[in-house]
Amino acid sequence: RGLILLLMASTAPVRAQQALTLDEAYAHLRAANPRLAAERALAKASELRQRAATVPDDPRLQLAMLNISLPGLSANMPNSMAPAIQLMQMLPFPGKLSLAGRIAEQSTAAVRAQVDEVWWELRASAALSFYELYSFDAQLEVMSGTLELLRDFQRVAQAMYAAGSGRQSDVLRAQVESTKMQAEILRMQA
């Protein structure tokens, strides 16, 4: 509801408030909602991980020294070995990388579906808030019309009482009802 009220606020102080359409509310929601932006970022991250799923592991470089004496790192100890350098590449089992790629594709599709689901949840919430606001506006219009009728009734009751053909209780009742309606309008506006 706050989003819709924010969108309805006028930028110029003299200009009357512009009516907001539901499509404009949806466009602002799609562009500015942090939850939807977070879900989109997760989908983008999943797409980037999908590319890496079909690539074999990086090669490893190891430097090994066994039974080297410290602190000089000399190989004069019994059973000592000279330093060795190894370069290794792990080769995956055949079909493992393609299977990992398919799994990553399905994970990405699931995350994209989650983005769509969040969008529809936000859209439904915005529509509900929009139509609640629309209903409140319509109720306020009806209540304002009723208030004008009550004021007319109050003026008629006062005129009849002043002429001597009306009762004071009718004037008081009209004032009470008019005041109640004003209070209800202020409550609805708040």
Protein backbone atom coordinates (compact mmCIF):
# COMPACT_ATOMS: atom_id res chain seq x y z
CA ARG A 1 0.00 0.00 0.00
CA GLY A 2 2.90 2.34 0.77
CA LEU A 3 4.28 1.84 -2.75
CA ILE A 4 0.98 2.87 -4.31
CA LEU A 5 0.62 5.88 -2.05
CA LEU A 6 4.19 6.88 -2.86
CA LEU A 7 3.46 6.63 -6.57
CA MET A 8 0.28 8.67 -6.22
CA ALA A 9 2.03 11.56 -4.51
CA SER A 10 2.33 14.56 -6.78
CA THR A 11 5.71 16.17 -7.40
CA ALA A 12 4.29 19.67 -7.86
CA PRO A 13 2.61 21.16 -4.79
CA VAL A 14 -0.02 23.06 -6.82
CA ARG A 15 -0.95 20.27 -9.23
CA ALA A 16 -3.66 17.80 -8.22
CA GLN A 17 -2.71 14.19 -7.57
CA GLN A 18 -2.45 12.05 -10.66
CA ALA A 19 -4.37 8.82 -10.81
CA LEU A 20 -2.15 5.76 -10.79
CA THR A 21 -2.91 2.87 -13.09
CA LEU A 22 -2.27 -0.72 -12.16
CA ASP A 23 0.17 -1.08 -15.07
CA GLU A 24 2.25 1.81 -13.73
CA ALA A 25 2.29 0.19 -10.29
CA TYR A 26 3.46 -3.09 -11.86
CA ALA A 27 6.20 -1.31 -13.84
CA HIS A 28 7.49 0.45 -10.72
CA LEU A 29 7.32 -2.78 -8.74
CA ARG A 30 9.26 -4.67 -11.42
CA ALA A 31 11.94 -1.97 -11.52
CA ALA A 32 12.36 -1.15 -7.83
CA ASN A 33 11.48 -4.15 -5.67
CA PRO A 34 14.54 -5.40 -3.73
CA ARG A 35 13.18 -8.93 -3.29
CA LEU A 36 12.69 -9.32 -7.03
CA ALA A 37 16.15 -7.84 -7.68
CA ALA A 38 17.68 -10.37 -5.26
CA GLU A 39 15.94 -13.26 -7.01
CA ARG A 40 17.18 -12.01 -10.37
CA ALA A 41 20.73 -11.83 -9.01
CA LEU A 42 20.43 -15.43 -7.81
CA ALA A 43 19.26 -16.47 -11.28
CA LYS A 44 22.21 -14.67 -12.89
CA ALA A 45 24.63 -16.37 -10.47
CA SER A 46 23.08 -19.74 -11.29
CA GLU A 47 23.54 -19.09 -15.01
CA LEU A 48 27.21 -18.28 -14.43
CA ARG A 49 27.69 -21.45 -12.36
CA GLN A 50 26.05 -23.43 -15.17
CA ARG A 51 28.88 -22.55 -17.55
CA ALA A 52 31.52 -23.70 -15.07
CA ALA A 53 29.81 -27.06 -14.42
CA THR A 54 31.01 -28.60 -17.70
CA VAL A 55 34.64 -27.55 -17.32
CA PRO A 56 37.12 -30.05 -15.81
CA ASP A 57 38.89 -29.20 -12.55
CA ASP A 58 41.91 -26.94 -12.70
CA PRO A 59 45.34 -28.60 -12.85
CA ARG A 60 47.26 -28.75 -9.57
CA LEU A 61 50.90 -27.97 -9.00
CA GLN A 62 52.55 -29.54 -5.94
CA LEU A 63 55.98 -29.10 -4.45
CA ALA A 64 57.03 -32.00 -2.20
CA MET A 65 60.03 -32.46 0.09
CA LEU A 66 60.37 -35.40 2.48
CA ASN A 67 62.72 -35.73 5.45
CA ILE A 68 64.48 -32.44 4.90
CA SER A 69 66.33 -31.09 7.91
CA LEU A 70 65.49 -27.71 9.26
CA PRO A 71 66.45 -24.88 9.38
CA GLY A 72 68.83 -25.17 6.42
CA LEU A 73 66.59 -27.43 4.28
CA SER A 74 69.44 -29.83 3.60
CA ALA A 75 68.83 -33.35 2.29
CA ASN A 76 71.58 -35.03 4.39
CA MET A 77 69.14 -37.02 6.58
CA PRO A 78 68.70 -40.77 5.99
CA ASN A 79 65.72 -41.55 3.73
CA SER A 80 65.52 -37.95 2.55
CA MET A 81 64.39 -37.13 -0.93
CA ALA A 82 65.23 -34.23 -3.12
CA PRO A 83 62.45 -31.77 -3.73
CA ALA A 84 59.89 -32.97 -6.27
CA ILE A 85 57.50 -30.94 -8.40
CA GLN A 86 54.28 -32.55 -9.61
CA LEU A 87 51.72 -31.28 -12.07
CA MET A 88 48.41 -33.19 -11.90
CA GLN A 89 45.17 -33.01 -13.83
CA MET A 90 42.14 -34.91 -12.57
CA LEU A 91 40.18 -36.50 -15.39
CA PRO A 92 36.48 -37.00 -14.62
CA PHE A 93 34.69 -40.25 -15.22
CA PRO A 94 33.23 -40.31 -18.76
CA GLY A 95 29.81 -38.58 -18.84
CA LYS A 96 30.27 -36.85 -15.48
CA LEU A 97 30.78 -33.37 -16.95
CA SER A 98 27.78 -33.61 -19.28
CA LEU A 99 25.64 -34.83 -16.38
CA ALA A 100 26.88 -31.96 -14.23
CA GLY A 101 25.95 -29.59 -17.07
CA ARG A 102 22.40 -30.98 -17.25
CA ILE A 103 22.05 -30.71 -13.47
CA ALA A 104 23.23 -27.11 -13.60
CA GLU A 105 20.71 -26.37 -16.39
CA GLN A 106 17.89 -27.78 -14.27
CA SER A 107 19.05 -25.79 -11.24
CA THR A 108 19.09 -22.62 -13.32
CA ALA A 109 15.60 -23.37 -14.65
CA ALA A 110 14.37 -23.87 -11.07
CA VAL A 111 15.86 -20.54 -9.98
CA ARG A 112 14.26 -18.79 -12.99
CA ALA A 113 10.92 -20.35 -12.02
CA GLN A 114 11.43 -18.97 -8.51
CA VAL A 115 11.96 -15.49 -9.98
CA ASP A 116 8.67 -15.84 -11.87
CA GLU A 117 6.89 -17.05 -8.74
CA VAL A 118 8.18 -14.11 -6.68
CA TRP A 119 7.05 -11.76 -9.44
CA TRP A 120 3.52 -13.21 -9.41
CA GLU A 121 3.37 -13.02 -5.60
CA LEU A 122 4.43 -9.36 -5.67
CA ARG A 123 2.05 -8.66 -8.52
CA ALA A 124 -0.89 -10.20 -6.63
CA SER A 125 0.01 -8.24 -3.50
CA ALA A 126 0.24 -4.99 -5.47
CA ALA A 127 -3.08 -5.65 -7.19
CA LEU A 128 -4.76 -6.34 -3.85
CA SER A 129 -3.34 -3.14 -2.37
CA PHE A 130 -4.29 -1.19 -5.49
CA TYR A 131 -7.90 -2.34 -5.38
CA GLU A 132 -8.12 -1.77 -1.62
CA LEU A 133 -6.98 1.79 -2.22
CA TYR A 134 -9.49 2.11 -5.06
CA SER A 135 -12.23 0.85 -2.73
CA PHE A 136 -11.23 3.33 -0.02
CA ASP A 137 -11.30 6.17 -2.53
CA ALA A 138 -14.79 5.15 -3.69
CA GLN A 139 -15.97 4.90 -0.08
CA LEU A 140 -14.57 8.37 0.64
CA GLU A 141 -16.46 9.80 -2.33
CA VAL A 142 -19.72 8.27 -1.12
CA MET A 143 -19.08 9.45 2.43
CA SER A 144 -18.32 13.00 1.21
CA GLY A 145 -21.63 13.04 -0.68
CA THR A 146 -23.42 11.77 2.42
CA LEU A 147 -21.77 14.48 4.52
CA GLU A 148 -23.06 17.15 2.14
CA LEU A 149 -26.58 15.70 2.44
CA LEU A 150 -26.29 15.69 6.23
CA ARG A 151 -25.16 19.32 6.19
CA ASP A 152 -28.15 20.19 3.99
CA PHE A 153 -30.42 18.36 6.45
CA GLN A 154 -28.78 20.25 9.32
CA ARG A 155 -29.41 23.60 7.60
CA VAL A 156 -33.04 22.66 6.92
CA ALA A 157 -33.53 21.53 10.55
CA GLN A 158 -32.00 24.79 11.83
CA ALA A 159 -34.17 26.87 9.49
CA MET A 160 -37.31 25.00 10.57
CA TYR A 161 -36.36 25.39 14.24
CA ALA A 162 -35.70 29.12 13.70
CA ALA A 163 -39.13 29.44 12.03
CA GLY A 164 -40.74 27.67 14.99
CA SER A 165 -41.99 24.63 13.08
CA GLY A 166 -39.04 22.27 13.87
CA ARG A 167 -37.78 20.57 16.97
CA GLN A 168 -34.49 21.23 18.69
CA SER A 169 -33.81 17.46 18.86
CA ASP A 170 -33.79 17.30 15.03
CA VAL A 171 -31.14 20.04 14.91
CA LEU A 172 -29.01 18.27 17.51
CA ARG A 173 -29.40 14.88 15.81
CA ALA A 174 -28.35 16.42 12.46
CA GLN A 175 -25.28 18.00 14.09
CA VAL A 176 -24.31 14.70 15.76
CA GLU A 177 -24.67 12.71 12.54
CA SER A 178 -22.72 15.32 10.59
CA THR A 179 -19.92 15.26 13.16
CA LYS A 180 -19.84 11.44 13.15
CA MET A 181 -19.56 11.42 9.36
CA GLN A 182 -16.71 13.98 9.46
CA ALA A 183 -14.87 11.83 12.00
CA GLU A 184 -15.39 8.72 9.87
CA ILE A 185 -14.04 10.52 6.79
CA LEU A 186 -10.97 11.66 8.71
CA ARG A 187 -10.41 8.10 9.99
CA MET A 188 -10.68 6.70 6.45
CA GLN A 189 -8.27 9.32 5.11
CA ALA A 190 -5.77 8.51 7.84
